[in-house]
Amino acid sequence: MKRITLLFAAFILVFSACKTIKQPAQSEYTTDNTAPNKVFTVPGSETTTAVEKPAPPVVDEKPIAIRKEQVSFTDQQDKVKNEGNTYFVILGSFSQLENAKNYRTTLLNEGFTPIILHSETGYYRVCVNSYKNETEARSRVAQIRQAFEKYSDVWLLIKE
């Protein structure tokens, strides 16, 4: 009888101790999404103040094309006025002098004072301004691009 009682007690103990409760596994490597995020601060960072950098100036989106060429003037008066300048603002290039002259007439009607340069490559370059300083030439290119959308392909020629 002792065996039956002992067996019965062991049976009850086994089944009563094996209750399963479903709980999510907790590990130091798992995160609880319901818990608030921890915010860490660096010691001494409370006293620093943020310095706002000024925004960079808006630059023309399209880069300015530049070419270096040897050029000669097609008109003696233009040569006298612009011979000392190195930077030329170019609006058009033509393989025929007659086409360059027609384009020059069109630009004169729009208020420009164009001159025609003959390039070492054989092209006739129609220039609307010439400068000794590259910065002035670049600002003129930006002005033309803003004022005349159809001349957005304006570029700089640097006389060698």
N, C-alpha and C. Protein backbone atom coordinates (compact mmCIF):
# COMPACT_ATOMS: atom_id res chain seq x y z
N MET A 1 0.80 -1.17 0.00
CA MET A 1 0.00 0.00 0.00
C MET A 1 0.86 1.26 0.00
N LYS A 2 1.99 1.12 0.61
CA LYS A 2 2.91 2.25 0.62
C LYS A 2 3.37 2.58 -0.81
N ARG A 3 3.46 1.54 -1.61
CA ARG A 3 3.88 1.76 -2.97
C ARG A 3 2.81 2.53 -3.74
N ILE A 4 1.61 2.22 -3.57
CA ILE A 4 0.52 2.88 -4.29
C ILE A 4 0.44 4.33 -3.84
N THR A 5 0.55 4.59 -2.53
CA THR A 5 0.49 5.95 -2.04
C THR A 5 1.69 6.74 -2.58
N LEU A 6 2.83 6.14 -2.56
CA LEU A 6 4.03 6.81 -3.06
C LEU A 6 3.92 7.06 -4.56
N LEU A 7 3.39 6.15 -5.29
CA LEU A 7 3.20 6.30 -6.72
C LEU A 7 2.16 7.38 -7.01
N PHE A 8 1.08 7.38 -6.23
CA PHE A 8 0.05 8.40 -6.39
C PHE A 8 0.61 9.80 -6.09
N ALA A 9 1.40 9.96 -5.07
CA ALA A 9 1.99 11.25 -4.71
C ALA A 9 2.95 11.72 -5.78
N ALA A 10 3.73 10.81 -6.33
CA ALA A 10 4.68 11.16 -7.39
C ALA A 10 3.91 11.60 -8.65
N PHE A 11 2.81 10.88 -8.94
CA PHE A 11 1.98 11.21 -10.09
C PHE A 11 1.39 12.61 -9.97
N ILE A 12 0.87 12.96 -8.81
CA ILE A 12 0.28 14.27 -8.58
C ILE A 12 1.37 15.34 -8.65
N LEU A 13 2.51 15.05 -8.07
CA LEU A 13 3.60 16.01 -8.07
C LEU A 13 4.09 16.28 -9.50
N VAL A 14 4.19 15.29 -10.32
CA VAL A 14 4.67 15.45 -11.69
C VAL A 14 3.69 16.29 -12.49
N PHE A 15 2.42 16.03 -12.42
CA PHE A 15 1.45 16.76 -13.23
C PHE A 15 1.17 18.16 -12.70
N SER A 16 1.30 18.37 -11.41
CA SER A 16 1.03 19.71 -10.88
C SER A 16 2.24 20.63 -11.08
N ALA A 17 3.41 20.10 -11.21
CA ALA A 17 4.61 20.93 -11.36
C ALA A 17 4.88 21.28 -12.81
N CYS A 18 4.27 20.65 -13.73
CA CYS A 18 4.56 20.85 -15.15
C CYS A 18 3.57 21.82 -15.79
N LYS A 19 3.10 22.77 -15.09
CA LYS A 19 2.21 23.76 -15.69
C LYS A 19 3.04 24.66 -16.61
N THR A 20 2.53 24.91 -17.80
CA THR A 20 3.24 25.80 -18.72
C THR A 20 2.50 27.13 -18.78
N ILE A 21 3.23 28.17 -18.59
CA ILE A 21 2.69 29.53 -18.72
C ILE A 21 3.40 30.15 -19.91
N LYS A 22 2.64 30.64 -20.88
CA LYS A 22 3.23 31.21 -22.08
C LYS A 22 3.66 32.64 -21.81
N GLN A 23 4.95 32.83 -21.80
CA GLN A 23 5.54 34.16 -21.65
C GLN A 23 6.59 34.34 -22.74
N PRO A 24 6.72 35.55 -23.26
CA PRO A 24 7.76 35.76 -24.28
C PRO A 24 9.13 35.56 -23.66
N ALA A 25 10.01 35.05 -24.46
CA ALA A 25 11.37 34.82 -23.99
C ALA A 25 12.05 36.16 -23.74
N GLN A 26 12.67 36.28 -22.61
CA GLN A 26 13.38 37.50 -22.27
C GLN A 26 14.88 37.23 -22.36
N SER A 27 15.54 38.11 -23.08
CA SER A 27 16.97 37.97 -23.25
C SER A 27 17.57 39.36 -23.25
N GLU A 28 18.80 39.46 -22.89
CA GLU A 28 19.43 40.77 -22.93
C GLU A 28 19.63 41.25 -24.36
N TYR A 29 19.45 40.34 -25.33
CA TYR A 29 19.65 40.70 -26.73
C TYR A 29 18.35 41.06 -27.45
N THR A 30 17.22 40.78 -26.84
CA THR A 30 15.96 41.16 -27.44
C THR A 30 15.52 42.50 -26.89
N THR A 31 14.74 43.22 -27.67
CA THR A 31 14.27 44.53 -27.23
C THR A 31 12.78 44.50 -27.02
N ASP A 32 12.33 45.27 -26.10
CA ASP A 32 10.91 45.43 -25.82
C ASP A 32 10.46 46.70 -26.52
N ASN A 33 9.63 46.57 -27.53
CA ASN A 33 9.19 47.72 -28.31
C ASN A 33 8.24 48.63 -27.54
N THR A 34 7.67 48.13 -26.47
CA THR A 34 6.75 48.95 -25.70
C THR A 34 7.48 49.86 -24.72
N ALA A 35 8.71 49.54 -24.41
CA ALA A 35 9.47 50.36 -23.46
C ALA A 35 9.94 51.63 -24.15
N PRO A 36 9.99 52.75 -23.43
CA PRO A 36 10.45 54.00 -24.05
C PRO A 36 11.94 53.89 -24.40
N ASN A 37 12.33 54.60 -25.47
CA ASN A 37 13.72 54.59 -25.90
C ASN A 37 14.59 55.33 -24.90
N LYS A 38 15.80 54.83 -24.74
CA LYS A 38 16.73 55.48 -23.84
C LYS A 38 17.45 56.59 -24.60
N VAL A 39 17.62 57.70 -23.96
CA VAL A 39 18.34 58.82 -24.55
C VAL A 39 19.61 59.03 -23.76
N PHE A 40 20.71 59.01 -24.45
CA PHE A 40 21.99 59.19 -23.79
C PHE A 40 22.51 60.58 -24.09
N THR A 41 23.12 61.19 -23.12
CA THR A 41 23.71 62.51 -23.32
C THR A 41 25.18 62.43 -22.98
N VAL A 42 25.93 63.27 -23.63
CA VAL A 42 27.35 63.36 -23.38
C VAL A 42 27.56 64.37 -22.27
N PRO A 43 28.35 64.03 -21.27
CA PRO A 43 28.56 65.00 -20.18
C PRO A 43 29.13 66.31 -20.73
N GLY A 44 28.58 67.39 -20.26
CA GLY A 44 29.03 68.72 -20.67
C GLY A 44 28.35 69.24 -21.92
N SER A 45 27.51 68.41 -22.56
CA SER A 45 26.87 68.86 -23.79
C SER A 45 25.72 69.83 -23.51
N GLU A 46 25.27 69.88 -22.26
CA GLU A 46 24.16 70.77 -21.94
C GLU A 46 24.56 72.24 -22.05
N THR A 47 25.85 72.54 -21.90
CA THR A 47 26.28 73.93 -21.90
C THR A 47 26.64 74.45 -23.29
N THR A 48 26.76 73.56 -24.26
CA THR A 48 27.13 74.03 -25.59
C THR A 48 25.89 74.54 -26.32
N THR A 49 26.10 75.51 -27.17
CA THR A 49 25.01 76.05 -27.96
C THR A 49 25.27 75.74 -29.42
N ALA A 50 24.22 75.46 -30.15
CA ALA A 50 24.35 75.14 -31.56
C ALA A 50 24.57 76.42 -32.35
N VAL A 51 25.57 76.40 -33.19
CA VAL A 51 25.86 77.54 -34.05
C VAL A 51 25.35 77.21 -35.44
N GLU A 52 24.48 78.03 -35.95
CA GLU A 52 23.89 77.80 -37.26
C GLU A 52 24.80 78.37 -38.33
N LYS A 53 25.18 77.52 -39.26
CA LYS A 53 26.04 77.98 -40.36
C LYS A 53 25.17 78.70 -41.39
N PRO A 54 25.69 79.78 -41.95
CA PRO A 54 24.90 80.46 -42.98
C PRO A 54 24.79 79.57 -44.22
N ALA A 55 23.66 79.67 -44.87
CA ALA A 55 23.43 78.87 -46.07
C ALA A 55 24.38 79.35 -47.18
N PRO A 56 24.92 78.41 -47.96
CA PRO A 56 25.80 78.84 -49.04
C PRO A 56 25.00 79.62 -50.08
N PRO A 57 25.64 80.55 -50.75
CA PRO A 57 24.91 81.33 -51.75
C PRO A 57 24.44 80.43 -52.88
N VAL A 58 23.31 80.79 -53.46
CA VAL A 58 22.76 80.01 -54.55
C VAL A 58 23.65 80.22 -55.78
N VAL A 59 24.14 79.12 -56.28
CA VAL A 59 25.03 79.16 -57.43
C VAL A 59 24.25 78.68 -58.65
N ASP A 60 24.60 79.21 -59.77
CA ASP A 60 23.96 78.80 -61.01
C ASP A 60 24.06 77.28 -61.13
N GLU A 61 22.95 76.60 -61.39
CA GLU A 61 22.92 75.16 -61.38
C GLU A 61 23.79 74.57 -62.48
N LYS A 62 23.77 75.19 -63.64
CA LYS A 62 24.49 74.65 -64.78
C LYS A 62 25.93 75.18 -64.76
N PRO A 63 26.92 74.29 -64.80
CA PRO A 63 28.30 74.77 -64.81
C PRO A 63 28.62 75.51 -66.11
N ILE A 64 29.61 76.37 -66.02
CA ILE A 64 30.00 77.18 -67.17
C ILE A 64 31.07 76.43 -67.95
N ALA A 65 30.81 76.22 -69.22
CA ALA A 65 31.79 75.56 -70.08
C ALA A 65 32.91 76.55 -70.39
N ILE A 66 34.14 76.04 -70.40
CA ILE A 66 35.30 76.88 -70.67
C ILE A 66 36.18 76.18 -71.70
N ARG A 67 36.69 76.97 -72.65
CA ARG A 67 37.65 76.46 -73.64
C ARG A 67 38.80 77.44 -73.76
N LYS A 68 39.99 76.90 -73.96
CA LYS A 68 41.17 77.74 -74.20
C LYS A 68 41.54 77.61 -75.67
N GLU A 69 41.60 78.74 -76.34
CA GLU A 69 41.92 78.74 -77.77
C GLU A 69 42.71 79.99 -78.12
N GLN A 70 43.43 79.88 -79.22
CA GLN A 70 44.05 81.07 -79.80
C GLN A 70 43.03 81.65 -80.75
N VAL A 71 42.81 82.93 -80.65
CA VAL A 71 41.81 83.59 -81.49
C VAL A 71 42.40 84.83 -82.12
N SER A 72 41.80 85.23 -83.23
CA SER A 72 42.14 86.49 -83.88
C SER A 72 40.86 87.26 -84.10
N PHE A 73 40.97 88.56 -84.18
CA PHE A 73 39.81 89.42 -84.36
C PHE A 73 39.54 89.59 -85.85
N THR A 74 38.25 89.57 -86.21
CA THR A 74 37.89 89.73 -87.62
C THR A 74 37.78 91.20 -87.99
N ASP A 75 37.68 92.10 -87.02
CA ASP A 75 37.57 93.53 -87.26
C ASP A 75 38.67 94.26 -86.50
N GLN A 76 39.33 95.21 -87.15
CA GLN A 76 40.44 95.93 -86.54
C GLN A 76 39.99 96.75 -85.33
N GLN A 77 38.81 97.37 -85.39
CA GLN A 77 38.30 98.16 -84.26
C GLN A 77 38.08 97.28 -83.03
N ASP A 78 37.54 96.10 -83.25
CA ASP A 78 37.33 95.16 -82.14
C ASP A 78 38.66 94.75 -81.53
N LYS A 79 39.67 94.60 -82.36
CA LYS A 79 40.99 94.22 -81.87
C LYS A 79 41.57 95.31 -80.98
N VAL A 80 41.43 96.55 -81.37
CA VAL A 80 41.96 97.66 -80.59
C VAL A 80 41.26 97.74 -79.23
N LYS A 81 39.96 97.56 -79.20
CA LYS A 81 39.18 97.69 -77.96
C LYS A 81 39.36 96.50 -77.01
N ASN A 82 39.55 95.29 -77.55
CA ASN A 82 39.49 94.08 -76.73
C ASN A 82 40.77 93.25 -76.71
N GLU A 83 41.85 93.76 -77.31
CA GLU A 83 43.06 92.96 -77.42
C GLU A 83 43.67 92.59 -76.06
N GLY A 84 43.55 93.46 -75.07
CA GLY A 84 44.12 93.20 -73.75
C GLY A 84 43.30 92.26 -72.88
N ASN A 85 42.11 91.90 -73.31
CA ASN A 85 41.24 91.03 -72.51
C ASN A 85 41.54 89.56 -72.78
N THR A 86 41.31 88.74 -71.76
CA THR A 86 41.61 87.31 -71.85
C THR A 86 40.35 86.45 -71.87
N TYR A 87 39.27 86.90 -71.23
CA TYR A 87 38.05 86.09 -71.08
C TYR A 87 36.95 86.66 -71.97
N PHE A 88 36.38 85.80 -72.82
CA PHE A 88 35.36 86.22 -73.76
C PHE A 88 34.09 85.41 -73.54
N VAL A 89 32.96 86.10 -73.43
CA VAL A 89 31.65 85.47 -73.24
C VAL A 89 31.08 85.16 -74.62
N ILE A 90 30.94 83.87 -74.91
CA ILE A 90 30.56 83.41 -76.25
C ILE A 90 29.10 82.96 -76.26
N LEU A 91 28.35 83.49 -77.24
CA LEU A 91 26.95 83.07 -77.42
C LEU A 91 26.75 82.15 -78.61
N GLY A 92 27.66 82.20 -79.58
CA GLY A 92 27.48 81.35 -80.75
C GLY A 92 28.78 81.02 -81.43
N SER A 93 28.80 79.88 -82.11
CA SER A 93 29.95 79.43 -82.90
C SER A 93 29.46 78.99 -84.26
N PHE A 94 30.16 79.43 -85.30
CA PHE A 94 29.74 79.14 -86.66
C PHE A 94 30.94 78.77 -87.50
N SER A 95 30.72 77.87 -88.44
CA SER A 95 31.80 77.50 -89.34
C SER A 95 31.90 78.45 -90.53
N GLN A 96 30.83 79.20 -90.79
CA GLN A 96 30.81 80.17 -91.89
C GLN A 96 30.74 81.59 -91.34
N LEU A 97 31.59 82.47 -91.85
CA LEU A 97 31.63 83.86 -91.40
C LEU A 97 30.29 84.56 -91.64
N GLU A 98 29.64 84.25 -92.74
CA GLU A 98 28.36 84.89 -93.07
C GLU A 98 27.30 84.58 -92.00
N ASN A 99 27.27 83.34 -91.51
CA ASN A 99 26.32 82.96 -90.46
C ASN A 99 26.63 83.70 -89.16
N ALA A 100 27.90 83.86 -88.84
CA ALA A 100 28.30 84.60 -87.64
C ALA A 100 27.88 86.06 -87.75
N LYS A 101 28.02 86.64 -88.93
CA LYS A 101 27.61 88.05 -89.13
C LYS A 101 26.09 88.20 -88.98
N ASN A 102 25.33 87.24 -89.49
CA ASN A 102 23.86 87.30 -89.33
C ASN A 102 23.47 87.20 -87.86
N TYR A 103 24.14 86.33 -87.13
CA TYR A 103 23.86 86.18 -85.70
C TYR A 103 24.25 87.44 -84.95
N ARG A 104 25.35 88.07 -85.37
CA ARG A 104 25.79 89.33 -84.76
C ARG A 104 24.70 90.40 -84.92
N THR A 105 24.08 90.46 -86.10
CA THR A 105 23.00 91.42 -86.34
C THR A 105 21.81 91.15 -85.42
N THR A 106 21.48 89.87 -85.24
CA THR A 106 20.39 89.50 -84.33
C THR A 106 20.69 89.97 -82.91
N LEU A 107 21.92 89.76 -82.46
CA LEU A 107 22.30 90.16 -81.11
C LEU A 107 22.33 91.67 -80.95
N LEU A 108 22.72 92.39 -82.00
CA LEU A 108 22.69 93.86 -81.95
C LEU A 108 21.27 94.35 -81.71
N ASN A 109 20.29 93.72 -82.33
CA ASN A 109 18.88 94.09 -82.17
C ASN A 109 18.37 93.80 -80.76
N GLU A 110 19.05 92.89 -80.04
CA GLU A 110 18.65 92.55 -78.68
C GLU A 110 19.40 93.36 -77.63
N GLY A 111 20.23 94.29 -78.06
CA GLY A 111 20.93 95.17 -77.12
C GLY A 111 22.36 94.78 -76.79
N PHE A 112 22.88 93.71 -77.37
CA PHE A 112 24.26 93.31 -77.14
C PHE A 112 25.19 94.09 -78.07
N THR A 113 26.48 94.08 -77.73
CA THR A 113 27.49 94.65 -78.62
C THR A 113 28.47 93.54 -79.00
N PRO A 114 28.07 92.66 -79.92
CA PRO A 114 28.87 91.49 -80.23
C PRO A 114 30.06 91.79 -81.14
N ILE A 115 31.08 90.96 -80.96
CA ILE A 115 32.22 90.98 -81.87
C ILE A 115 32.44 89.55 -82.34
N ILE A 116 33.13 89.41 -83.46
CA ILE A 116 33.37 88.08 -84.01
C ILE A 116 34.87 87.78 -83.91
N LEU A 117 35.15 86.61 -83.34
CA LEU A 117 36.52 86.13 -83.20
C LEU A 117 36.70 84.92 -84.12
N HIS A 118 37.90 84.80 -84.70
CA HIS A 118 38.19 83.61 -85.51
C HIS A 118 39.10 82.70 -84.69
N SER A 119 38.64 81.50 -84.43
CA SER A 119 39.34 80.56 -83.57
C SER A 119 40.37 79.77 -84.36
N GLU A 120 41.34 79.23 -83.64
CA GLU A 120 42.35 78.37 -84.26
C GLU A 120 41.73 77.10 -84.82
N THR A 121 40.56 76.73 -84.32
CA THR A 121 39.86 75.53 -84.79
C THR A 121 39.10 75.77 -86.08
N GLY A 122 39.05 77.03 -86.53
CA GLY A 122 38.37 77.36 -87.77
C GLY A 122 36.97 77.92 -87.56
N TYR A 123 36.48 77.93 -86.34
CA TYR A 123 35.15 78.45 -86.07
C TYR A 123 35.17 79.95 -85.83
N TYR A 124 34.06 80.56 -86.15
CA TYR A 124 33.87 81.99 -85.86
C TYR A 124 33.03 82.08 -84.59
N ARG A 125 33.61 82.62 -83.54
CA ARG A 125 32.95 82.74 -82.23
C ARG A 125 32.33 84.12 -82.12
N VAL A 126 31.04 84.16 -81.76
CA VAL A 126 30.35 85.43 -81.56
C VAL A 126 30.39 85.74 -80.07
N CYS A 127 31.12 86.80 -79.73
CA CYS A 127 31.37 87.18 -78.34
C CYS A 127 30.54 88.42 -78.02
N VAL A 128 29.93 88.45 -76.83
CA VAL A 128 29.14 89.62 -76.45
C VAL A 128 29.84 90.50 -75.42
N ASN A 129 30.80 89.97 -74.69
CA ASN A 129 31.58 90.74 -73.72
C ASN A 129 32.95 90.13 -73.58
N SER A 130 33.93 90.98 -73.21
CA SER A 130 35.27 90.46 -72.94
C SER A 130 35.80 91.12 -71.67
N TYR A 131 36.59 90.35 -70.90
CA TYR A 131 37.07 90.83 -69.60
C TYR A 131 38.51 90.41 -69.38
N LYS A 132 39.17 91.14 -68.51
CA LYS A 132 40.52 90.76 -68.07
C LYS A 132 40.43 89.82 -66.87
N ASN A 133 39.33 89.90 -66.13
CA ASN A 133 39.14 89.17 -64.88
C ASN A 133 38.11 88.04 -65.09
N GLU A 134 38.46 86.83 -64.64
CA GLU A 134 37.56 85.69 -64.82
C GLU A 134 36.29 85.83 -63.99
N THR A 135 36.38 86.41 -62.80
CA THR A 135 35.22 86.57 -61.94
C THR A 135 34.16 87.45 -62.60
N GLU A 136 34.60 88.54 -63.21
CA GLU A 136 33.66 89.42 -63.92
C GLU A 136 33.01 88.70 -65.09
N ALA A 137 33.79 87.91 -65.80
CA ALA A 137 33.26 87.17 -66.95
C ALA A 137 32.22 86.14 -66.49
N ARG A 138 32.51 85.44 -65.39
CA ARG A 138 31.56 84.45 -64.88
C ARG A 138 30.26 85.11 -64.41
N SER A 139 30.37 86.28 -63.79
CA SER A 139 29.14 86.96 -63.34
C SER A 139 28.31 87.42 -64.54
N ARG A 140 28.98 87.82 -65.62
CA ARG A 140 28.25 88.22 -66.83
C ARG A 140 27.54 87.00 -67.45
N VAL A 141 28.17 85.85 -67.42
CA VAL A 141 27.53 84.63 -67.92
C VAL A 141 26.27 84.34 -67.11
N ALA A 142 26.36 84.47 -65.79
CA ALA A 142 25.20 84.24 -64.92
C ALA A 142 24.09 85.25 -65.22
N GLN A 143 24.46 86.51 -65.46
CA GLN A 143 23.46 87.54 -65.78
C GLN A 143 22.74 87.19 -67.08
N ILE A 144 23.48 86.78 -68.08
CA ILE A 144 22.87 86.44 -69.37
C ILE A 144 21.93 85.25 -69.22
N ARG A 145 22.36 84.25 -68.44
CA ARG A 145 21.50 83.07 -68.24
C ARG A 145 20.20 83.43 -67.53
N GLN A 146 20.27 84.38 -66.59
CA GLN A 146 19.05 84.79 -65.89
C GLN A 146 18.14 85.64 -66.76
N ALA A 147 18.73 86.54 -67.54
CA ALA A 147 17.93 87.47 -68.33
C ALA A 147 17.43 86.87 -69.63
N PHE A 148 18.18 85.95 -70.21
CA PHE A 148 17.83 85.38 -71.51
C PHE A 148 17.88 83.86 -71.44
N GLU A 149 16.74 83.26 -71.26
CA GLU A 149 16.68 81.80 -71.14
C GLU A 149 17.18 81.11 -72.40
N LYS A 150 16.97 81.72 -73.55
CA LYS A 150 17.40 81.08 -74.81
C LYS A 150 18.91 81.05 -74.97
N TYR A 151 19.64 81.82 -74.16
CA TYR A 151 21.11 81.82 -74.21
C TYR A 151 21.70 81.09 -73.01
N SER A 152 21.03 80.05 -72.56
CA SER A 152 21.52 79.30 -71.39
C SER A 152 22.79 78.51 -71.69
N ASP A 153 23.11 78.35 -72.97
CA ASP A 153 24.32 77.62 -73.33
C ASP A 153 25.54 78.53 -73.53
N VAL A 154 25.46 79.73 -73.00
CA VAL A 154 26.59 80.67 -73.08
C VAL A 154 27.81 80.06 -72.40
N TRP A 155 29.01 80.37 -72.91
CA TRP A 155 30.22 79.79 -72.35
C TRP A 155 31.37 80.78 -72.41
N LEU A 156 32.49 80.41 -71.78
CA LEU A 156 33.67 81.29 -71.71
C LEU A 156 34.78 80.75 -72.60
N LEU A 157 35.38 81.65 -73.35
CA LEU A 157 36.57 81.33 -74.10
C LEU A 157 37.74 82.07 -73.45
N ILE A 158 38.81 81.32 -73.19
CA ILE A 158 40.01 81.93 -72.60
C ILE A 158 41.06 82.03 -73.71
N LYS A 159 41.48 83.25 -73.99
CA LYS A 159 42.45 83.48 -75.06
C LYS A 159 43.83 83.03 -74.60
N GLU A 160 44.47 82.20 -75.40
CA GLU A 160 45.82 81.74 -75.09
C GLU A 160 46.86 82.68 -75.66
